[in-house]
Amino acid sequence: MRQPACYLPHGGGPCFFMDDPYNIWTNMGDFLHKFPKTLPKKPDAIVVIAAHWESDPIKIHHHPNPSLYYDYYDFPEHTYQLQYPASGYPLLAKQIHTLLTEQHIQSEFEEKRGWDHSVFIPLKVMFPDADIPIVEISLHNNLDPAYHFNIGRALYPLRNKNILIMGSGMSYHNLPFLFSGQGTREAYAFDNWLTDVISLPACDDRDRLLIEWEKTAGAHSAHPRAEHLLPLMAVSGAARQDHGKCIFKDIILHKPISAYQFG
């Protein structure tokens, strides 16, 4: 069973587990909650390329029972008590290391760092029973789009083993502009471009344009730094020739946020 490769929003901090009187995050939370029902079957494992972990070289989480890393600040006390007791998957981590090595991508195992919120927050919404093992993979701190695309290409064979490849990021990530209302026109221009490119019938054109995303109008306004977009590059690489589509779109504080799926 081939699982899709998907790029999903993880929201703002622990937003799905807080009061939300203005319904800012309600639609996104509902989307994540319902997303597993769209999969061909329940995954045997999930590999997450996460926006909130950068290293040199690439790190692969290897601990069988990871802790959680509450890498958000000034949120309600109860959000630092959240638990997500899913298991790690050291055997899969070793397989990932082999796949990366075969593509000449250096990587190392990591056991001390806990899963950050770009992993456990969305997965706690999506799979609340915490019964699917997870391996988190870092970004490379070079933040090079082509490099991360190649990481995804290396991971492609896992999809044929009923393993879900998930890029956890945000298609818009400029927090000063998000809260000030600036850059709204540029945000829509970039989101429209991104959706058009993901939907292209020619996958080679799609991948080339995604790698050259910085040339696009509104790109740096939407992403002053690339870390929340790079999981999409990895997912696009893992797509190979599978076509992409937008599977969710919402407006958060006047800015569009989208999710994408390949296959």
C-alpha atoms as a PDB file:
ATOM      1  CA  MET A   1       0.000   0.000   0.000  1.00  0.00           C
ATOM      2  CA  ARG A   2       1.543   3.311  -1.073  1.00  0.00           C
ATOM      3  CA  GLN A   3       0.938   6.162   1.303  1.00  0.00           C
ATOM      4  CA  PRO A   4       0.872   9.757   0.046  1.00  0.00           C
ATOM      5  CA  ALA A   5       3.449  12.374   0.880  1.00  0.00           C
ATOM      6  CA  CYS A   6       1.883  15.390   2.555  1.00  0.00           C
ATOM      7  CA  TYR A   7       2.797  18.889   3.706  1.00  0.00           C
ATOM      8  CA  LEU A   8       0.657  19.892   6.668  1.00  0.00           C
ATOM      9  CA  PRO A   9       0.427  22.981   8.894  1.00  0.00           C
ATOM     10  CA  HIS A  10       1.278  22.506  12.563  1.00  0.00           C
ATOM     11  CA  GLY A  11      -0.352  25.732  13.740  1.00  0.00           C
ATOM     12  CA  GLY A  12       1.014  28.185  16.282  1.00  0.00           C
ATOM     13  CA  GLY A  13       2.629  26.576  19.313  1.00  0.00           C
ATOM     14  CA  PRO A  14       0.099  24.387  21.195  1.00  0.00           C
ATOM     15  CA  CYS A  15      -2.823  26.280  19.630  1.00  0.00           C
ATOM     16  CA  PHE A  16      -5.114  23.265  19.216  1.00  0.00           C
ATOM     17  CA  PHE A  17      -5.037  22.571  22.951  1.00  0.00           C
ATOM     18  CA  MET A  18      -5.963  26.061  24.153  1.00  0.00           C
ATOM     19  CA  ASP A  19      -9.108  28.122  24.331  1.00  0.00           C
ATOM     20  CA  ASP A  20      -9.735  29.688  20.912  1.00  0.00           C
ATOM     21  CA  PRO A  21     -12.542  32.237  21.443  1.00  0.00           C
ATOM     22  CA  TYR A  22     -12.104  33.805  18.001  1.00  0.00           C
ATOM     23  CA  ASN A  23     -11.895  30.446  16.180  1.00  0.00           C
ATOM     24  CA  ILE A  24      -8.538  31.317  14.673  1.00  0.00           C
ATOM     25  CA  TRP A  25      -7.312  27.718  14.670  1.00  0.00           C
ATOM     26  CA  THR A  26     -10.621  25.831  14.598  1.00  0.00           C
ATOM     27  CA  ASN A  27     -10.691  25.046  10.869  1.00  0.00           C
ATOM     28  CA  MET A  28      -7.074  23.896  10.858  1.00  0.00           C
ATOM     29  CA  GLY A  29      -7.638  21.685  13.883  1.00  0.00           C
ATOM     30  CA  ASP A  30     -10.719  20.142  12.252  1.00  0.00           C
ATOM     31  CA  PHE A  31      -8.761  19.508   9.066  1.00  0.00           C
ATOM     32  CA  LEU A  32      -5.944  17.745  10.927  1.00  0.00           C
ATOM     33  CA  HIS A  33      -8.423  15.706  12.966  1.00  0.00           C
ATOM     34  CA  LYS A  34     -10.167  14.448   9.806  1.00  0.00           C
ATOM     35  CA  PHE A  35      -7.037  14.003   7.683  1.00  0.00           C
ATOM     36  CA  PRO A  36      -6.297  10.365   8.696  1.00  0.00           C
ATOM     37  CA  LYS A  37      -9.669   9.293   7.272  1.00  0.00           C
ATOM     38  CA  THR A  38      -8.477  10.400   3.819  1.00  0.00           C
ATOM     39  CA  LEU A  39      -5.503   8.004   3.822  1.00  0.00           C
ATOM     40  CA  PRO A  40      -5.695   4.679   1.957  1.00  0.00           C
ATOM     41  CA  LYS A  41      -5.193   2.858   5.266  1.00  0.00           C
ATOM     42  CA  LYS A  42      -3.760   3.469   8.705  1.00  0.00           C
ATOM     43  CA  PRO A  43       0.023   3.965   8.326  1.00  0.00           C
ATOM     44  CA  ASP A  44       2.412   1.497   9.909  1.00  0.00           C
ATOM     45  CA  ALA A  45       4.743   4.396  10.714  1.00  0.00           C
ATOM     46  CA  ILE A  46       5.121   8.131  10.140  1.00  0.00           C
ATOM     47  CA  VAL A  47       8.283   9.961   9.093  1.00  0.00           C
ATOM     48  CA  VAL A  48       8.158  13.669   9.908  1.00  0.00           C
ATOM     49  CA  ILE A  49      10.463  16.250   8.329  1.00  0.00           C
ATOM     50  CA  ALA A  50      10.055  19.017  10.884  1.00  0.00           C
ATOM     51  CA  ALA A  51      10.413  22.789  10.581  1.00  0.00           C
ATOM     52  CA  HIS A  52      11.637  23.246  14.150  1.00  0.00           C
ATOM     53  CA  TRP A  53      14.813  21.166  14.033  1.00  0.00           C
ATOM     54  CA  GLU A  54      17.921  22.168  12.114  1.00  0.00           C
ATOM     55  CA  SER A  55      21.332  20.513  12.243  1.00  0.00           C
ATOM     56  CA  ASP A  56      24.511  19.764  10.361  1.00  0.00           C
ATOM     57  CA  PRO A  57      24.522  16.995   9.301  1.00  0.00           C
ATOM     58  CA  ILE A  58      20.921  15.782   9.072  1.00  0.00           C
ATOM     59  CA  LYS A  59      19.772  14.157  12.318  1.00  0.00           C
ATOM     60  CA  ILE A  60      17.441  11.159  12.545  1.00  0.00           C
ATOM     61  CA  HIS A  61      15.625  10.516  15.808  1.00  0.00           C
ATOM     62  CA  HIS A  62      16.572   7.065  17.039  1.00  0.00           C
ATOM     63  CA  HIS A  63      15.174   6.707  20.583  1.00  0.00           C
ATOM     64  CA  PRO A  64      12.487   4.017  21.100  1.00  0.00           C
ATOM     65  CA  ASN A  65      10.550   6.129  23.639  1.00  0.00           C
ATOM     66  CA  PRO A  66      11.165   9.817  22.941  1.00  0.00           C
ATOM     67  CA  SER A  67      10.475  12.612  25.374  1.00  0.00           C
ATOM     68  CA  LEU A  68       8.725  15.805  24.297  1.00  0.00           C
ATOM     69  CA  TYR A  69      10.459  19.135  23.734  1.00  0.00           C
ATOM     70  CA  TYR A  70       8.110  21.996  24.614  1.00  0.00           C
ATOM     71  CA  ASP A  71       9.759  24.500  22.310  1.00  0.00           C
ATOM     72  CA  TYR A  72       7.160  27.253  22.717  1.00  0.00           C
ATOM     73  CA  TYR A  73       7.106  30.100  25.188  1.00  0.00           C
ATOM     74  CA  ASP A  74       4.627  32.090  27.307  1.00  0.00           C
ATOM     75  CA  PHE A  75       1.704  29.737  26.767  1.00  0.00           C
ATOM     76  CA  PRO A  76      -0.713  28.462  29.453  1.00  0.00           C
ATOM     77  CA  GLU A  77       0.812  26.127  32.018  1.00  0.00           C
ATOM     78  CA  HIS A  78      -1.301  23.143  30.993  1.00  0.00           C
ATOM     79  CA  THR A  79       0.254  23.159  27.522  1.00  0.00           C
ATOM     80  CA  TYR A  80       3.564  22.144  29.112  1.00  0.00           C
ATOM     81  CA  GLN A  81       1.878  19.077  30.566  1.00  0.00           C
ATOM     82  CA  LEU A  82       0.702  17.702  27.215  1.00  0.00           C
ATOM     83  CA  GLN A  83       1.767  14.143  26.537  1.00  0.00           C
ATOM     84  CA  TYR A  84       2.089  12.102  23.369  1.00  0.00           C
ATOM     85  CA  PRO A  85       3.367   8.612  24.227  1.00  0.00           C
ATOM     86  CA  ALA A  86       3.800   7.257  20.700  1.00  0.00           C
ATOM     87  CA  SER A  87       6.897   5.124  20.278  1.00  0.00           C
ATOM     88  CA  GLY A  88       9.962   5.845  18.227  1.00  0.00           C
ATOM     89  CA  TYR A  89      11.152   3.370  15.625  1.00  0.00           C
ATOM     90  CA  PRO A  90      14.940   2.767  15.745  1.00  0.00           C
ATOM     91  CA  LEU A  91      14.806   0.102  13.025  1.00  0.00           C
ATOM     92  CA  LEU A  92      13.127   2.533  10.634  1.00  0.00           C
ATOM     93  CA  ALA A  93      15.641   5.206  11.638  1.00  0.00           C
ATOM     94  CA  LYS A  94      18.422   2.866  10.528  1.00  0.00           C
ATOM     95  CA  GLN A  95      16.645   2.252   7.221  1.00  0.00           C
ATOM     96  CA  ILE A  96      16.374   6.013   6.688  1.00  0.00           C
ATOM     97  CA  HIS A  97      20.073   6.417   7.434  1.00  0.00           C
ATOM     98  CA  THR A  98      20.839   3.775   4.781  1.00  0.00           C
ATOM     99  CA  LEU A  99      18.581   5.435   2.205  1.00  0.00           C
ATOM    100  CA  LEU A 100      20.221   8.821   2.786  1.00  0.00           C
ATOM    101  CA  THR A 101      23.720   7.331   2.659  1.00  0.00           C
ATOM    102  CA  GLU A 102      22.931   5.685  -0.689  1.00  0.00           C
ATOM    103  CA  GLN A 103      22.159   9.177  -2.032  1.00  0.00           C
ATOM    104  CA  HIS A 104      25.379  10.585  -0.528  1.00  0.00           C
ATOM    105  CA  ILE A 105      23.480  12.556   2.130  1.00  0.00           C
ATOM    106  CA  GLN A 106      25.287  12.516   5.454  1.00  0.00           C
ATOM    107  CA  SER A 107      23.185  11.878   8.551  1.00  0.00           C
ATOM    108  CA  GLU A 108      23.555  10.989  12.225  1.00  0.00           C
ATOM    109  CA  PHE A 109      21.313   9.453  14.870  1.00  0.00           C
ATOM    110  CA  GLU A 110      19.887  11.545  17.710  1.00  0.00           C
ATOM    111  CA  GLU A 111      18.541  10.110  20.974  1.00  0.00           C
ATOM    112  CA  LYS A 112      18.603  12.938  23.541  1.00  0.00           C
ATOM    113  CA  ARG A 113      16.435  15.585  21.901  1.00  0.00           C
ATOM    114  CA  GLY A 114      12.691  15.176  22.382  1.00  0.00           C
ATOM    115  CA  TRP A 115      10.066  15.544  19.691  1.00  0.00           C
ATOM    116  CA  ASP A 116       9.379  19.248  19.165  1.00  0.00           C
ATOM    117  CA  HIS A 117       5.947  20.801  18.777  1.00  0.00           C
ATOM    118  CA  SER A 118       5.984  20.571  14.971  1.00  0.00           C
ATOM    119  CA  VAL A 119       5.769  16.816  15.569  1.00  0.00           C
ATOM    120  CA  PHE A 120       3.717  16.093  18.660  1.00  0.00           C
ATOM    121  CA  ILE A 121       1.143  18.905  18.384  1.00  0.00           C
ATOM    122  CA  PRO A 122      -0.291  18.048  14.937  1.00  0.00           C
ATOM    123  CA  LEU A 123       0.066  14.296  15.479  1.00  0.00           C
ATOM    124  CA  LYS A 124      -1.768  14.508  18.803  1.00  0.00           C
ATOM    125  CA  VAL A 125      -4.679  16.012  16.855  1.00  0.00           C
ATOM    126  CA  MET A 126      -4.421  13.588  13.934  1.00  0.00           C
ATOM    127  CA  PHE A 127      -3.717  10.338  15.777  1.00  0.00           C
ATOM    128  CA  PRO A 128      -4.759  10.918  19.404  1.00  0.00           C
ATOM    129  CA  ASP A 129      -4.332   7.246  20.338  1.00  0.00           C
ATOM    130  CA  ALA A 130      -0.552   7.643  19.831  1.00  0.00           C
ATOM    131  CA  ASP A 131      -0.394   4.105  18.453  1.00  0.00           C
ATOM    132  CA  ILE A 132       1.726   4.715  15.330  1.00  0.00           C
ATOM    133  CA  PRO A 133       5.540   4.802  15.675  1.00  0.00           C
ATOM    134  CA  ILE A 134       7.253   7.987  14.514  1.00  0.00           C
ATOM    135  CA  VAL A 135      10.679   9.014  13.280  1.00  0.00           C
ATOM    136  CA  GLU A 136      11.516  12.718  13.155  1.00  0.00           C
ATOM    137  CA  ILE A 137      14.138  13.978  10.705  1.00  0.00           C
ATOM    138  CA  SER A 138      15.779  17.386  10.983  1.00  0.00           C
ATOM    139  CA  LEU A 139      16.318  19.967   8.309  1.00  0.00           C
ATOM    140  CA  HIS A 140      19.875  20.707   7.279  1.00  0.00           C
ATOM    141  CA  ASN A 141      20.872  24.136   8.524  1.00  0.00           C
ATOM    142  CA  ASN A 142      22.077  25.089   5.053  1.00  0.00           C
ATOM    143  CA  LEU A 143      18.357  25.653   4.267  1.00  0.00           C
ATOM    144  CA  ASP A 144      19.040  24.749   0.646  1.00  0.00           C
ATOM    145  CA  PRO A 145      15.836  23.805  -1.246  1.00  0.00           C
ATOM    146  CA  ALA A 146      17.517  21.385  -3.668  1.00  0.00           C
ATOM    147  CA  TYR A 147      19.284  19.612  -0.812  1.00  0.00           C
ATOM    148  CA  HIS A 148      15.981  19.019   0.971  1.00  0.00           C
ATOM    149  CA  PHE A 149      14.330  17.928  -2.254  1.00  0.00           C
ATOM    150  CA  ASN A 150      17.013  15.220  -2.508  1.00  0.00           C
ATOM    151  CA  ILE A 151      16.307  14.129   1.060  1.00  0.00           C
ATOM    152  CA  GLY A 152      12.726  13.511   0.013  1.00  0.00           C
ATOM    153  CA  ARG A 153      13.763  11.589  -3.089  1.00  0.00           C
ATOM    154  CA  ALA A 154      15.817   9.296  -0.880  1.00  0.00           C
ATOM    155  CA  LEU A 155      12.780   8.635   1.340  1.00  0.00           C
ATOM    156  CA  TYR A 156      10.436   7.733  -1.520  1.00  0.00           C
ATOM    157  CA  PRO A 157      10.750   3.913  -1.139  1.00  0.00           C
ATOM    158  CA  LEU A 158       9.259   4.117   2.357  1.00  0.00           C
ATOM    159  CA  ARG A 159       5.897   5.148   0.914  1.00  0.00           C
ATOM    160  CA  ASN A 160       5.560   1.693  -0.638  1.00  0.00           C
ATOM    161  CA  LYS A 161       5.899   0.168   2.832  1.00  0.00           C
ATOM    162  CA  ASN A 162       2.760   1.861   4.189  1.00  0.00           C
ATOM    163  CA  ILE A 163       4.802   4.663   5.767  1.00  0.00           C
ATOM    164  CA  LEU A 164       3.404   8.191   5.677  1.00  0.00           C
ATOM    165  CA  ILE A 165       5.915  10.902   4.716  1.00  0.00           C
ATOM    166  CA  MET A 166       4.847  14.145   6.392  1.00  0.00           C
ATOM    167  CA  GLY A 167       6.377  17.583   6.075  1.00  0.00           C
ATOM    168  CA  SER A 168       5.369  19.682   9.086  1.00  0.00           C
ATOM    169  CA  GLY A 169       5.580  23.420   8.453  1.00  0.00           C
ATOM    170  CA  MET A 170       3.452  26.448   7.590  1.00  0.00           C
ATOM    171  CA  SER A 171       2.939  27.696   4.044  1.00  0.00           C
ATOM    172  CA  TYR A 172       3.046  31.249   5.425  1.00  0.00           C
ATOM    173  CA  HIS A 173       5.490  32.046   8.223  1.00  0.00           C
ATOM    174  CA  ASN A 174       6.247  35.706   8.834  1.00  0.00           C
ATOM    175  CA  LEU A 175       5.163  36.262  12.421  1.00  0.00           C
ATOM    176  CA  PRO A 176       5.700  40.058  12.582  1.00  0.00           C
ATOM    177  CA  PHE A 177       3.574  40.521   9.456  1.00  0.00           C
ATOM    178  CA  LEU A 178       1.028  37.954  10.615  1.00  0.00           C
ATOM    179  CA  PHE A 179       0.263  39.958  13.752  1.00  0.00           C
ATOM    180  CA  SER A 180       0.685  43.434  12.258  1.00  0.00           C
ATOM    181  CA  GLY A 181      -1.432  42.941   9.121  1.00  0.00           C
ATOM    182  CA  GLN A 182       1.437  43.870   6.796  1.00  0.00           C
ATOM    183  CA  GLY A 183       2.237  42.011   3.591  1.00  0.00           C
ATOM    184  CA  THR A 184      -1.253  40.651   2.980  1.00  0.00           C
ATOM    185  CA  ARG A 185      -1.211  41.182  -0.797  1.00  0.00           C
ATOM    186  CA  GLU A 186       2.168  39.480  -1.046  1.00  0.00           C
ATOM    187  CA  ALA A 187       0.902  36.595   1.104  1.00  0.00           C
ATOM    188  CA  TYR A 188      -1.970  35.920  -1.285  1.00  0.00           C
ATOM    189  CA  ALA A 189       0.317  36.219  -4.316  1.00  0.00           C
ATOM    190  CA  PHE A 190       2.703  33.643  -2.895  1.00  0.00           C
ATOM    191  CA  ASP A 191      -0.052  31.276  -1.790  1.00  0.00           C
ATOM    192  CA  ASN A 192      -1.679  31.404  -5.243  1.00  0.00           C
ATOM    193  CA  TRP A 193       1.677  30.728  -6.892  1.00  0.00           C
ATOM    194  CA  LEU A 194       2.388  27.829  -4.544  1.00  0.00           C
ATOM    195  CA  THR A 195      -0.967  26.172  -5.206  1.00  0.00           C
ATOM    196  CA  ASP A 196      -0.604  26.642  -8.969  1.00  0.00           C
ATOM    197  CA  VAL A 197       2.864  25.102  -8.960  1.00  0.00           C
ATOM    198  CA  ILE A 198       1.905  22.143  -6.764  1.00  0.00           C
ATOM    199  CA  SER A 199      -0.983  21.415  -9.174  1.00  0.00           C
ATOM    200  CA  LEU A 200       1.105  21.422 -12.354  1.00  0.00           C
ATOM    201  CA  PRO A 201       0.629  18.259 -14.451  1.00  0.00           C
ATOM    202  CA  ALA A 202       4.339  18.172 -15.341  1.00  0.00           C
ATOM    203  CA  CYS A 203       6.118  17.056 -12.165  1.00  0.00           C
ATOM    204  CA  ASP A 204       9.555  18.106 -13.388  1.00  0.00           C
ATOM    205  CA  ASP A 205       8.312  21.673 -13.867  1.00  0.00           C
ATOM    206  CA  ARG A 206       6.699  21.593 -10.429  1.00  0.00           C
ATOM    207  CA  ASP A 207       9.867  20.492  -8.696  1.00  0.00           C
ATOM    208  CA  ARG A 208      12.101  22.942 -10.556  1.00  0.00           C
ATOM    209  CA  LEU A 209       9.853  25.887  -9.700  1.00  0.00           C
ATOM    210  CA  LEU A 210       9.565  24.861  -6.057  1.00  0.00           C
ATOM    211  CA  ILE A 211      13.324  24.696  -5.741  1.00  0.00           C
ATOM    212  CA  GLU A 212      13.499  28.222  -7.216  1.00  0.00           C
ATOM    213  CA  TRP A 213      10.759  29.534  -4.888  1.00  0.00           C
ATOM    214  CA  GLU A 214      12.791  32.579  -3.812  1.00  0.00           C
ATOM    215  CA  LYS A 215      12.401  34.110  -7.277  1.00  0.00           C
ATOM    216  CA  THR A 216       8.629  34.343  -6.809  1.00  0.00           C
ATOM    217  CA  ALA A 217       6.716  37.523  -6.028  1.00  0.00           C
ATOM    218  CA  GLY A 218       5.925  37.669  -2.337  1.00  0.00           C
ATOM    219  CA  ALA A 219       8.302  34.825  -1.454  1.00  0.00           C
ATOM    220  CA  HIS A 220      10.431  36.621   1.126  1.00  0.00           C
ATOM    221  CA  SER A 221       7.436  38.433   2.534  1.00  0.00           C
ATOM    222  CA  ALA A 222       5.785  35.066   3.207  1.00  0.00           C
ATOM    223  CA  HIS A 223       8.997  33.377   4.339  1.00  0.00           C
ATOM    224  CA  PRO A 224      11.768  35.705   5.538  1.00  0.00           C
ATOM    225  CA  ARG A 225      13.529  32.465   6.474  1.00  0.00           C
ATOM    226  CA  ALA A 226      12.942  29.167   4.681  1.00  0.00           C
ATOM    227  CA  GLU A 227      12.630  26.653   7.521  1.00  0.00           C
ATOM    228  CA  HIS A 228       8.816  26.373   7.497  1.00  0.00           C
ATOM    229  CA  LEU A 229       8.711  25.895   3.716  1.00  0.00           C
ATOM    230  CA  LEU A 230      11.554  23.392   3.357  1.00  0.00           C
ATOM    231  CA  PRO A 231       9.498  20.409   4.588  1.00  0.00           C
ATOM    232  CA  LEU A 232       7.431  20.968   1.427  1.00  0.00           C
ATOM    233  CA  MET A 233      10.587  20.568  -0.675  1.00  0.00           C
ATOM    234  CA  ALA A 234      11.301  17.230   0.987  1.00  0.00           C
ATOM    235  CA  VAL A 235       7.709  16.090   0.475  1.00  0.00           C
ATOM    236  CA  SER A 236       7.861  17.118  -3.182  1.00  0.00           C
ATOM    237  CA  GLY A 237      10.999  15.024  -3.558  1.00  0.00           C
ATOM    238  CA  ALA A 238       9.265  12.055  -1.943  1.00  0.00           C
ATOM    239  CA  ALA A 239       6.395  12.489  -4.413  1.00  0.00           C
ATOM    240  CA  ARG A 240       8.529  11.572  -7.436  1.00  0.00           C
ATOM    241  CA  GLN A 241       6.035  11.527 -10.344  1.00  0.00           C
ATOM    242  CA  ASP A 242       2.872  11.659  -8.230  1.00  0.00           C
ATOM    243  CA  HIS A 243       0.750  14.707  -8.883  1.00  0.00           C
ATOM    244  CA  GLY A 244       0.042  17.228  -6.169  1.00  0.00           C
ATOM    245  CA  LYS A 245      -3.044  19.070  -5.023  1.00  0.00           C
ATOM    246  CA  CYS A 246      -4.144  21.543  -2.373  1.00  0.00           C
ATOM    247  CA  ILE A 247      -6.145  19.678   0.279  1.00  0.00           C
ATOM    248  CA  PHE A 248      -6.782  22.543   2.713  1.00  0.00           C
ATOM    249  CA  LYS A 249      -6.842  26.321   2.673  1.00  0.00           C
ATOM    250  CA  ASP A 250      -7.735  28.696   5.478  1.00  0.00           C
ATOM    251  CA  ILE A 251      -7.251  32.331   6.415  1.00  0.00           C
ATOM    252  CA  ILE A 252      -5.335  32.923   9.657  1.00  0.00           C
ATOM    253  CA  LEU A 253      -5.208  36.568  10.754  1.00  0.00           C
ATOM    254  CA  HIS A 254      -5.820  37.663   7.136  1.00  0.00           C
ATOM    255  CA  LYS A 255      -3.095  35.410   5.720  1.00  0.00           C
ATOM    256  CA  PRO A 256      -3.740  32.260   3.639  1.00  0.00           C
ATOM    257  CA  ILE A 257      -2.413  28.947   4.939  1.00  0.00           C
ATOM    258  CA  SER A 258      -2.478  25.855   2.713  1.00  0.00           C
ATOM    259  CA  ALA A 259      -1.790  22.126   2.913  1.00  0.00           C
ATOM    260  CA  TYR A 260      -0.718  19.898   0.034  1.00  0.00           C
ATOM    261  CA  GLN A 261      -0.689  16.218  -0.812  1.00  0.00           C
ATOM    262  CA  PHE A 262       1.074  14.155  -3.458  1.00  0.00           C
ATOM    263  CA  GLY A 263      -0.298  10.781  -4.472  1.00  0.00           C
END
